[in-house]
């Protein structure tokens, strides 16, 4: 009798798990402002933030392929594990991606640098941080908290959030110092990527 009860419970858990996966896979994302770029064949990144939850981001190789490849390479080497969102400005963006050792700088894939990029900086879009030099992006990235279209000509957007907007809002609302650093560290426990069949090419360096 006990074995039968355990078997039934196991079947129920399996059915619940399948239902959850089905819901995740069939989630309606058509209302996102960057829905035209979404594809089941795009890589999907999961950012796990300590004590806050997860943010899932779909990357758009058709928009900025070298930038996508560069980001994935950092993920695959575990470079972001234990890093943090070190700069937070509510209603603007949250920035992370400081690593112990950066790879080469890449060319900025944005219009003012001579490269077509039509992905606007809507809420939820991920883009590359850089210095005042166009081709200086390495590992640091930011996620737009609220629409910031003034960034469009000069920053390389390359993907968009598909779940975890509540976590984005939670991070954006934390207390910060005068230099926009969170008073309490916001730790990225892990970043993983599901390539969904996408082939990561060699990263092209700027120089």
Foldseek 3Di string as FASTA:
>chain_A
DVVVVVVVVVVVVVVVVVVVVVCVVPPDPVPDPVNVQDDLQFKKKWWQWPPQGIWIKTWRCVQPVLVVLLQQVCQVVFFQAFWFQFFAAAQFKTKTFDGPDWDFFAAFQFQVSPHDGPDFLAQFWKWFDADPDRRGTIGMIIGTHHGDRVCRRRIRTTIGTPDDNVSRNVVNPADADPRRGGPDTTTGNHMDMDNSPDDRDDRDHPD
